[in-house]
Amino acid sequence: MSKKAVFYHAGCPVCVDAEKNVANALDRSRYSVEIVHLGEQKGRITEAEAAGVKSVPALVLEGQPFHINFGAGLDALK
């Protein structure tokens, strides 16, 4: 059974680079990776906040948020 990883981003250049370098580098045999574009899926911002995400891009890996670089705060996406 694979572990869950969720990569939240907003489509900005910083986020796209992080997706290429971080989310796509995860071992898909170990992790079920979901990519969530918060600019297009605003209804999931509350979910990201509940997971501890403060800014995007961020990777939530097994329930632990990791902020990769500061692209945009979640308040800017609301």
C-alpha atoms as a PDB file:
ATOM      1  CA  MET A   1       0.000   0.000   0.000  1.00  0.00           C
ATOM      2  CA  SER A   2       1.418   3.383  -0.973  1.00  0.00           C
ATOM      3  CA  LYS A   3       1.562   6.419   1.270  1.00  0.00           C
ATOM      4  CA  LYS A   4      -0.233   9.612   0.326  1.00  0.00           C
ATOM      5  CA  ALA A   5       1.525  12.744  -0.887  1.00  0.00           C
ATOM      6  CA  VAL A   6      -0.296  15.899  -1.980  1.00  0.00           C
ATOM      7  CA  PHE A   7       1.526  18.649  -3.873  1.00  0.00           C
ATOM      8  CA  TYR A   8      -0.295  21.999  -3.660  1.00  0.00           C
ATOM      9  CA  HIS A   9       0.568  24.781  -6.070  1.00  0.00           C
ATOM     10  CA  ALA A  10      -0.881  27.817  -7.829  1.00  0.00           C
ATOM     11  CA  GLY A  11       0.591  27.479 -11.304  1.00  0.00           C
ATOM     12  CA  CYS A  12       3.254  30.172 -10.861  1.00  0.00           C
ATOM     13  CA  PRO A  13       6.762  29.586 -12.288  1.00  0.00           C
ATOM     14  CA  VAL A  14       8.159  28.737  -8.827  1.00  0.00           C
ATOM     15  CA  CYS A  15       5.370  26.164  -8.370  1.00  0.00           C
ATOM     16  CA  VAL A  16       5.853  24.598 -11.792  1.00  0.00           C
ATOM     17  CA  ASP A  17       9.593  24.219 -11.183  1.00  0.00           C
ATOM     18  CA  ALA A  18       8.935  22.688  -7.770  1.00  0.00           C
ATOM     19  CA  GLU A  19       6.467  20.223  -9.278  1.00  0.00           C
ATOM     20  CA  LYS A  20       9.048  19.124 -11.848  1.00  0.00           C
ATOM     21  CA  ASN A  21      11.835  18.806  -9.288  1.00  0.00           C
ATOM     22  CA  VAL A  22      10.044  17.597  -6.173  1.00  0.00           C
ATOM     23  CA  ALA A  23       6.629  16.042  -6.790  1.00  0.00           C
ATOM     24  CA  ASN A  24       7.737  14.181  -9.890  1.00  0.00           C
ATOM     25  CA  ALA A  25      10.844  12.893  -8.102  1.00  0.00           C
ATOM     26  CA  LEU A  26       8.843  10.946  -5.521  1.00  0.00           C
ATOM     27  CA  ASP A  27       8.983   7.181  -5.810  1.00  0.00           C
ATOM     28  CA  ARG A  28       5.530   6.334  -7.222  1.00  0.00           C
ATOM     29  CA  SER A  29       5.868   2.771  -5.959  1.00  0.00           C
ATOM     30  CA  ARG A  30       5.970   4.159  -2.413  1.00  0.00           C
ATOM     31  CA  TYR A  31       3.748   7.231  -2.719  1.00  0.00           C
ATOM     32  CA  SER A  32       0.379   7.967  -4.244  1.00  0.00           C
ATOM     33  CA  VAL A  33       0.932  11.544  -5.454  1.00  0.00           C
ATOM     34  CA  GLU A  34      -1.897  13.985  -6.053  1.00  0.00           C
ATOM     35  CA  ILE A  35      -1.205  17.343  -7.681  1.00  0.00           C
ATOM     36  CA  VAL A  36      -3.633  20.096  -6.617  1.00  0.00           C
ATOM     37  CA  HIS A  37      -3.663  23.419  -8.508  1.00  0.00           C
ATOM     38  CA  LEU A  38      -5.238  25.759  -5.954  1.00  0.00           C
ATOM     39  CA  GLY A  39      -5.675  28.500  -8.548  1.00  0.00           C
ATOM     40  CA  GLU A  40      -8.067  26.196 -10.389  1.00  0.00           C
ATOM     41  CA  GLN A  41      -9.410  24.273  -7.367  1.00  0.00           C
ATOM     42  CA  LYS A  42     -10.107  27.065  -4.879  1.00  0.00           C
ATOM     43  CA  GLY A  43     -12.493  24.804  -2.980  1.00  0.00           C
ATOM     44  CA  ARG A  44      -9.471  22.869  -1.735  1.00  0.00           C
ATOM     45  CA  ILE A  45      -7.750  25.851  -0.086  1.00  0.00           C
ATOM     46  CA  THR A  46      -9.456  25.029   3.230  1.00  0.00           C
ATOM     47  CA  GLU A  47      -8.134  21.460   2.943  1.00  0.00           C
ATOM     48  CA  ALA A  48      -4.605  22.781   2.345  1.00  0.00           C
ATOM     49  CA  GLU A  49      -4.871  25.112   5.349  1.00  0.00           C
ATOM     50  CA  ALA A  50      -6.083  22.242   7.536  1.00  0.00           C
ATOM     51  CA  ALA A  51      -3.030  20.246   6.429  1.00  0.00           C
ATOM     52  CA  GLY A  52      -0.760  23.068   7.648  1.00  0.00           C
ATOM     53  CA  VAL A  53       0.030  24.635   4.276  1.00  0.00           C
ATOM     54  CA  LYS A  54       0.841  28.350   4.609  1.00  0.00           C
ATOM     55  CA  SER A  55       2.146  29.037   1.118  1.00  0.00           C
ATOM     56  CA  VAL A  56       2.596  27.276  -2.183  1.00  0.00           C
ATOM     57  CA  PRO A  57       4.337  25.323  -3.504  1.00  0.00           C
ATOM     58  CA  ALA A  58       4.033  22.846  -0.666  1.00  0.00           C
ATOM     59  CA  LEU A  59       4.165  19.101  -0.378  1.00  0.00           C
ATOM     60  CA  VAL A  60       2.141  17.329   2.285  1.00  0.00           C
ATOM     61  CA  LEU A  61       3.797  13.986   2.798  1.00  0.00           C
ATOM     62  CA  GLU A  62       2.109  11.528   5.136  1.00  0.00           C
ATOM     63  CA  GLY A  63       0.281  14.424   6.809  1.00  0.00           C
ATOM     64  CA  GLN A  64       3.399  16.595   7.281  1.00  0.00           C
ATOM     65  CA  PRO A  65       3.580  19.876   5.292  1.00  0.00           C
ATOM     66  CA  PHE A  66       6.851  20.844   3.632  1.00  0.00           C
ATOM     67  CA  HIS A  67       7.101  24.350   2.197  1.00  0.00           C
ATOM     68  CA  ILE A  68       9.424  24.218  -0.774  1.00  0.00           C
ATOM     69  CA  ASN A  69       9.788  27.861  -1.748  1.00  0.00           C
ATOM     70  CA  PHE A  70       7.590  30.900  -1.329  1.00  0.00           C
ATOM     71  CA  GLY A  71       5.512  31.357  -4.474  1.00  0.00           C
ATOM     72  CA  ALA A  72       2.277  32.712  -2.962  1.00  0.00           C
ATOM     73  CA  GLY A  73       0.573  32.769   0.408  1.00  0.00           C
ATOM     74  CA  LEU A  74      -2.777  31.001   0.599  1.00  0.00           C
ATOM     75  CA  ASP A  75      -4.530  34.301   1.361  1.00  0.00           C
ATOM     76  CA  ALA A  76      -3.537  35.538  -2.102  1.00  0.00           C
ATOM     77  CA  LEU A  77      -5.365  32.584  -3.650  1.00  0.00           C
ATOM     78  CA  LYS A  78      -8.690  33.134  -1.910  1.00  0.00           C
END
